[in-house]
Amino acid sequence: MRMLRTTLAAAMAASMLAGPAFAEYPDKPITFIIPYGPGGTSDVGVRTWGPYMEKCLGQTIVFVNKPGAGGEIGFTELANARPDGYTLGALNVPNSPAGAITKKDAKYSMDSFAYLGNLYGSLVAINARKGGQYDTLAKVVDAAKSGTNINMAISNFGADDHIKMLDFMKQAGVKFTFIPMSDAATSRNAVMGGHVDVSGNSLTEVVGFQDQLQTLAIASEERRPELPDVPTFKELGYDVVGGSNHVIGAPAKTPPEVVDKLAGCFSTVAADPEFQKAAKERALLLNVMDAKQTAEWVKQETGRIQA
C-alpha cells in the first residue's frame, strides 16, 4: 500500500510539472518553411500574416525559404520534422498533392501533415514582356496556331500555373513548350528578361510588376480590381478559373493541443482587420478556412487529382 501511495504521488507530481510546461507553448522561436524562393505568393503571404501570428502566439517566427523541385524539398522537410509545434510550413495545393501523387520517389504524402488552416489563395495569370510582340492573348494563340514555338515559364510541372495553362492550351487548341523554373519569382523574371515568350504566374506575383510585364488574362470569374483593364480568360472565350490555396501545416504527429493553439491563432489572424488590410495591399486573395475545413478540402482536392 505504501508503495502504491508513493507511485501515485510521483505520478501526480509528474503531471503537475507536465501541465505548466505544455501550457507555456511556444517557449522558443518557431521555424516556418517556405517551400519556394523570395518574391512568390507563398513568400509574400507568410511574411504578411507573420507579425500578426507572432503577436497571437507571443513568440518569434523564423521564416526560412527552402526552394527546389517545385516545393517538394520544403514539403519533405516539413513532413519529416520533429512534431513538437516548432516547425510549420506552407503546403500549396494543388502543388503538394500533385508531387505526392505523381512522383514515384516522393518522401511525403498528404497524410504526413496536420492542417492548421488557410488564409489566402491565388489566381493564375498569363503574362508577356511589356513592349514585346505579345500584347494580347489572341496574338499568343494565333502565333502558336501558325507554328511558332511558344516558350512558357512555369514554377514547376504539376503546379497550379502548369495545370491551368494545360487547361487553356486544350481549349485554345494550341501547344506551348513548358519551361519549369525553380519557383514563381524566377518564372516571372524569365519573361520580364525576354528569356521566354510568356509565363504562368499568380496575380499576386505580377501585380506589382506591370511596368515590365503585360498581363494578358487572369483566371478569375470577374475582372480583378488590382488590374481592372486585364480581361479574364472567360471574357476571351476560355473557361479557365482558379489557382491555388496556400495551406498551413505541421508534421502529422504534432500534439492535438499544439495544433489547436496554432489553428486558433490563425483564425484570430484571419479576423484581424489590420491583417485583412495588409493582405489587400499586397494583392493577397483572402480565402479563409479553419483547420477542419482545410483538412476536408485538402482531402477532396487530393482525391480529385488522383482521379
Protein backbone atom coordinates (compact mmCIF):
# COMPACT_ATOMS: atom_id res chain seq x y z
CA MET A 1 0.00 0.00 0.00
CA ARG A 2 2.82 2.34 0.89
CA MET A 3 4.45 1.64 -2.48
CA LEU A 4 1.15 2.34 -4.25
CA ARG A 5 0.80 5.69 -2.47
CA THR A 6 4.37 6.56 -3.40
CA THR A 7 3.75 5.67 -7.06
CA LEU A 8 0.54 7.71 -7.20
CA ALA A 9 2.24 10.69 -5.58
CA ALA A 10 5.07 10.52 -8.10
CA ALA A 11 2.61 10.32 -10.99
CA MET A 12 0.65 13.33 -9.70
CA ALA A 13 3.85 15.32 -9.29
CA ALA A 14 4.90 14.47 -12.83
CA SER A 15 1.54 15.53 -14.23
CA MET A 16 1.67 18.81 -12.34
CA LEU A 17 5.09 19.51 -13.85
CA ALA A 18 3.98 18.49 -17.34
CA GLY A 19 0.90 20.71 -17.37
CA PRO A 20 2.52 24.13 -16.90
CA ALA A 21 5.38 23.26 -19.27
CA PHE A 22 2.96 22.27 -22.01
CA ALA A 23 0.73 25.27 -21.35
CA GLU A 24 3.69 27.56 -21.98
CA TYR A 25 3.94 26.55 -25.64
CA PRO A 26 5.53 28.15 -27.50
CA ASP A 27 8.52 28.90 -25.29
CA LYS A 28 11.03 29.35 -28.12
CA PRO A 29 11.02 30.62 -31.71
CA ILE A 30 9.08 28.67 -34.34
CA THR A 31 10.57 27.84 -37.74
CA PHE A 32 8.29 28.24 -40.75
CA ILE A 33 9.34 26.58 -44.00
CA ILE A 34 8.52 28.45 -47.22
CA PRO A 35 8.99 25.82 -49.98
CA TYR A 36 9.70 28.46 -52.62
CA GLY A 37 12.08 31.36 -53.13
CA PRO A 38 11.63 35.02 -52.17
CA GLY A 39 9.08 37.11 -54.05
CA GLY A 40 6.47 34.45 -54.81
CA THR A 41 2.94 34.37 -53.42
CA SER A 42 3.91 31.93 -50.65
CA ASP A 43 6.75 34.17 -49.52
CA VAL A 44 4.74 37.40 -49.71
CA GLY A 45 1.78 35.81 -47.93
CA VAL A 46 3.53 34.33 -44.92
CA ARG A 47 5.54 37.48 -44.34
CA THR A 48 2.26 39.40 -44.37
CA TRP A 49 0.49 37.32 -41.71
CA GLY A 50 3.71 36.64 -39.78
CA PRO A 51 3.67 39.68 -37.44
CA TYR A 52 0.03 39.06 -36.51
CA MET A 53 0.70 35.40 -35.76
CA GLU A 54 3.70 36.32 -33.63
CA LYS A 55 1.50 38.69 -31.66
CA CYS A 56 -1.09 35.97 -31.03
CA LEU A 57 1.48 33.36 -30.01
CA GLY A 58 3.75 35.72 -28.10
CA GLN A 59 6.75 34.23 -29.87
CA THR A 60 9.05 34.86 -32.83
CA ILE A 61 8.53 33.02 -36.11
CA VAL A 62 11.64 32.48 -38.23
CA PHE A 63 10.76 32.21 -41.92
CA VAL A 64 13.12 30.05 -43.97
CA ASN A 65 12.98 29.74 -47.76
CA LYS A 66 13.63 26.18 -48.93
CA PRO A 67 13.03 26.28 -52.70
CA GLY A 68 13.57 23.46 -55.13
CA ALA A 69 11.82 20.65 -57.00
CA GLY A 70 8.59 22.59 -57.23
CA GLY A 71 8.24 22.83 -53.47
CA GLU A 72 8.97 19.17 -52.73
CA ILE A 73 12.17 19.91 -50.81
CA GLY A 74 10.24 22.07 -48.37
CA PHE A 75 7.24 19.73 -48.21
CA THR A 76 9.53 16.79 -47.41
CA GLU A 77 11.43 18.67 -44.73
CA LEU A 78 8.18 19.64 -43.03
CA ALA A 79 6.83 16.07 -43.20
CA ASN A 80 9.97 14.73 -41.52
CA ALA A 81 10.41 17.50 -38.94
CA ARG A 82 10.05 16.81 -35.23
CA PRO A 83 6.30 17.03 -34.44
CA ASP A 84 6.60 19.38 -31.49
CA GLY A 85 4.96 22.51 -32.90
CA TYR A 86 8.23 24.28 -33.56
CA THR A 87 8.36 23.55 -37.30
CA LEU A 88 5.49 24.66 -39.52
CA GLY A 89 5.25 25.24 -43.24
CA ALA A 90 3.31 26.24 -46.33
CA LEU A 91 1.61 23.47 -48.33
CA ASN A 92 0.41 24.87 -51.61
CA VAL A 93 -2.49 22.95 -53.12
CA PRO A 94 -2.54 21.57 -55.83
CA ASN A 95 1.27 21.63 -55.84
CA SER A 96 1.84 19.47 -52.74
CA PRO A 97 -0.64 16.67 -53.54
CA ALA A 98 0.42 16.66 -57.20
CA GLY A 99 4.01 15.98 -56.14
CA ALA A 100 3.00 13.31 -53.65
CA ILE A 101 0.82 11.53 -56.21
CA THR A 102 2.85 11.80 -59.40
CA LYS A 103 6.42 11.34 -58.12
CA LYS A 104 7.38 7.71 -57.52
CA ASP A 105 10.15 8.72 -55.13
CA ALA A 106 8.10 11.27 -53.13
CA LYS A 107 9.12 11.18 -49.48
CA TYR A 108 5.85 12.53 -48.14
CA SER A 109 2.13 12.03 -48.59
CA MET A 110 -0.78 14.27 -47.71
CA ASP A 111 -1.21 12.15 -44.56
CA SER A 112 2.20 13.42 -43.43
CA PHE A 113 0.68 16.68 -42.20
CA ALA A 114 -1.66 18.20 -39.64
CA TYR A 115 -3.62 21.04 -41.22
CA LEU A 116 -3.87 24.33 -39.32
CA GLY A 117 -5.88 26.48 -41.72
CA ASN A 118 -5.82 28.50 -44.90
CA LEU A 119 -5.70 32.29 -45.04
CA TYR A 120 -5.39 33.13 -48.73
CA GLY A 121 -5.29 31.74 -52.22
CA SER A 122 -4.15 32.85 -55.65
CA LEU A 123 -5.39 33.13 -59.23
CA VAL A 124 -3.27 32.17 -62.21
CA ALA A 125 -2.45 34.79 -64.86
CA ILE A 126 -0.66 34.56 -68.21
CA ASN A 127 1.94 37.25 -68.83
CA ALA A 128 4.24 38.55 -71.55
CA ARG A 129 7.07 41.05 -71.61
CA LYS A 130 5.99 44.69 -71.62
CA GLY A 131 6.50 46.20 -75.05
CA GLY A 132 7.02 42.81 -76.68
CA GLN A 133 5.22 41.24 -79.62
CA TYR A 134 2.56 39.54 -77.48
CA ASP A 135 0.37 42.25 -76.02
CA THR A 136 -2.88 40.27 -76.24
CA LEU A 137 -3.81 36.66 -75.60
CA ALA A 138 -5.15 36.41 -79.16
CA LYS A 139 -1.68 37.13 -80.55
CA VAL A 140 -0.19 34.31 -78.47
CA VAL A 141 -2.85 31.88 -79.68
CA ASP A 142 -2.50 32.98 -83.31
CA ALA A 143 1.28 32.59 -83.19
CA ALA A 144 1.03 29.10 -81.71
CA LYS A 145 -1.53 28.06 -84.32
CA SER A 146 0.71 29.32 -87.11
CA GLY A 147 3.52 27.06 -85.96
CA THR A 148 5.54 29.44 -83.77
CA ASN A 149 7.10 27.66 -80.80
CA ILE A 150 5.82 29.50 -77.72
CA ASN A 151 8.00 29.00 -74.65
CA MET A 152 6.13 29.35 -71.37
CA ALA A 153 7.84 29.64 -67.98
CA ILE A 154 6.06 27.86 -65.12
CA SER A 155 7.03 27.31 -61.50
CA ASN A 156 7.05 23.51 -61.96
CA PHE A 157 5.21 20.61 -63.53
CA GLY A 158 2.06 19.86 -61.54
CA ALA A 159 1.88 23.36 -60.05
CA ASP A 160 -1.26 25.46 -60.31
CA ASP A 161 0.14 27.56 -63.17
CA HIS A 162 1.03 24.42 -65.12
CA ILE A 163 -2.40 22.85 -64.56
CA LYS A 164 -4.32 25.96 -65.60
CA MET A 165 -2.16 26.57 -68.64
CA LEU A 166 -2.69 22.96 -69.75
CA ASP A 167 -6.42 23.61 -69.49
CA PHE A 168 -6.07 26.80 -71.53
CA MET A 169 -3.96 25.07 -74.21
CA LYS A 170 -6.54 22.32 -74.62
CA GLN A 171 -9.38 24.80 -75.01
CA ALA A 172 -7.41 27.01 -77.40
CA GLY A 173 -6.22 24.05 -79.49
CA VAL A 174 -2.55 25.00 -79.20
CA LYS A 175 0.65 23.69 -77.65
CA PHE A 176 3.29 25.54 -75.64
CA THR A 177 6.74 24.39 -74.62
CA PHE A 178 6.76 24.49 -70.82
CA ILE A 179 9.97 25.63 -69.16
CA PRO A 180 9.89 24.68 -65.44
CA MET A 181 11.69 27.13 -63.17
CA SER A 182 12.86 26.78 -59.57
CA ASP A 183 10.00 28.95 -58.33
CA ALA A 184 7.40 31.52 -59.36
CA ALA A 185 9.66 34.56 -58.95
CA THR A 186 12.21 33.02 -61.33
CA SER A 187 9.40 32.32 -63.79
CA ARG A 188 8.29 35.95 -63.64
CA ASN A 189 11.84 37.21 -64.06
CA ALA A 190 12.35 34.97 -67.09
CA VAL A 191 9.52 36.59 -69.02
CA MET A 192 10.48 40.10 -67.90
CA GLY A 193 14.00 39.45 -69.15
CA GLY A 194 12.78 38.18 -72.52
CA HIS A 195 14.15 34.66 -71.95
CA VAL A 196 10.72 33.10 -72.60
CA ASP A 197 7.68 34.27 -74.52
CA VAL A 198 5.09 34.05 -71.75
CA SER A 199 4.75 32.92 -68.15
CA GLY A 200 2.15 31.46 -65.87
CA ASN A 201 2.16 33.27 -62.53
CA SER A 202 -0.25 34.15 -59.79
CA LEU A 203 -1.88 37.56 -59.75
CA THR A 204 -0.06 38.40 -56.51
CA GLU A 205 3.30 37.75 -58.15
CA VAL A 206 2.75 40.06 -61.13
CA VAL A 207 0.51 42.90 -59.97
CA GLY A 208 3.47 44.96 -58.77
CA PHE A 209 5.49 44.48 -61.97
CA GLN A 210 3.18 45.91 -64.60
CA ASP A 211 5.87 48.35 -65.72
CA GLN A 212 7.81 45.33 -67.02
CA LEU A 213 5.00 42.85 -67.65
CA GLN A 214 1.88 42.74 -69.78
CA THR A 215 -0.65 40.52 -68.03
CA LEU A 216 -2.84 39.13 -70.81
CA ALA A 217 -5.57 37.29 -68.90
CA ILE A 218 -6.48 36.27 -65.35
CA ALA A 219 -8.17 33.01 -64.31
CA SER A 220 -10.93 34.69 -62.32
CA GLU A 221 -14.70 34.77 -62.61
CA GLU A 222 -14.70 38.55 -62.96
CA ARG A 223 -12.13 41.27 -63.60
CA ARG A 224 -9.90 41.93 -60.64
CA PRO A 225 -9.76 45.40 -59.03
CA GLU A 226 -5.97 45.11 -58.83
CA LEU A 227 -5.76 45.04 -62.65
CA PRO A 228 -9.15 46.25 -63.89
CA ASP A 229 -8.02 46.62 -67.51
CA VAL A 230 -6.93 42.98 -67.80
CA PRO A 231 -9.60 40.61 -69.14
CA THR A 232 -10.48 37.25 -67.66
CA PHE A 233 -9.93 34.06 -69.63
CA LYS A 234 -13.72 33.69 -69.63
CA GLU A 235 -14.18 37.03 -71.38
CA LEU A 236 -11.88 35.78 -74.10
CA GLY A 237 -13.77 32.54 -74.56
CA TYR A 238 -11.85 30.14 -72.31
CA ASP A 239 -13.36 28.56 -69.21
CA VAL A 240 -10.20 28.78 -67.12
CA VAL A 241 -10.74 29.80 -63.49
CA GLY A 242 -8.72 29.26 -60.32
CA GLY A 243 -5.25 28.84 -58.93
CA SER A 244 -4.10 27.52 -55.58
CA ASN A 245 -4.67 27.75 -51.85
CA HIS A 246 -1.75 28.34 -49.52
CA VAL A 247 -2.50 25.83 -46.78
CA ILE A 248 -0.62 25.99 -43.47
CA GLY A 249 0.55 22.72 -41.94
CA ALA A 250 2.64 20.95 -39.32
CA PRO A 251 4.01 17.39 -39.09
CA ALA A 252 1.21 14.84 -38.70
CA LYS A 253 2.01 13.73 -35.14
CA THR A 254 2.07 17.24 -33.66
CA PRO A 255 0.18 17.08 -30.31
CA PRO A 256 -3.53 17.97 -30.65
CA GLU A 257 -3.24 20.69 -28.02
CA VAL A 258 -0.50 22.39 -30.02
CA VAL A 259 -2.47 22.04 -33.25
CA ASP A 260 -5.50 23.59 -31.55
CA LYS A 261 -3.49 26.55 -30.28
CA LEU A 262 -1.89 27.20 -33.65
CA ALA A 263 -5.18 26.80 -35.51
CA GLY A 264 -6.87 29.16 -33.06
CA CYS A 265 -4.23 31.81 -33.64
CA PHE A 266 -4.56 31.51 -37.41
CA SER A 267 -8.31 32.06 -37.03
CA THR A 268 -7.58 35.11 -34.87
CA VAL A 269 -5.21 36.47 -37.52
CA ALA A 270 -7.79 35.90 -40.27
CA ALA A 271 -10.34 38.02 -38.39
CA ASP A 272 -7.91 40.88 -37.70
CA PRO A 273 -8.86 43.97 -39.78
CA GLU A 274 -5.24 45.10 -39.86
CA PHE A 275 -4.16 41.80 -41.40
CA GLN A 276 -7.01 41.99 -43.91
CA LYS A 277 -5.90 45.48 -44.88
CA ALA A 278 -2.27 44.39 -45.29
CA ALA A 279 -3.34 41.39 -47.38
CA LYS A 280 -5.36 43.60 -49.71
CA GLU A 281 -2.43 45.98 -50.15
CA ARG A 282 -0.27 43.03 -51.28
CA ALA A 283 -2.93 41.63 -53.64
CA LEU A 284 -3.39 38.53 -51.50
CA LEU A 285 -6.78 36.96 -52.15
CA LEU A 286 -8.29 36.05 -48.78
CA ASN A 287 -9.85 32.60 -48.71
CA VAL A 288 -10.16 31.70 -45.05
CA MET A 289 -10.71 28.11 -43.90
CA ASP A 290 -10.32 26.81 -40.36
CA ALA A 291 -8.35 23.66 -39.55
CA LYS A 292 -11.25 21.25 -40.07
CA GLN A 293 -12.39 22.89 -43.29
CA THR A 294 -8.83 22.89 -44.59
CA ALA A 295 -8.30 19.19 -43.87
CA GLU A 296 -11.56 18.30 -45.61
CA TRP A 297 -10.74 20.49 -48.61
CA VAL A 298 -7.22 19.04 -48.97
CA LYS A 299 -8.66 15.52 -48.88
CA GLN A 300 -11.17 16.47 -51.57
CA GLU A 301 -8.57 18.08 -53.82
CA THR A 302 -6.15 15.19 -53.37
CA GLY A 303 -8.86 12.76 -54.46
CA ARG A 304 -9.65 14.93 -57.47
CA ILE A 305 -6.00 14.97 -58.56
CA GLN A 306 -5.68 11.20 -58.08
CA ALA A 307 -8.72 10.63 -60.27
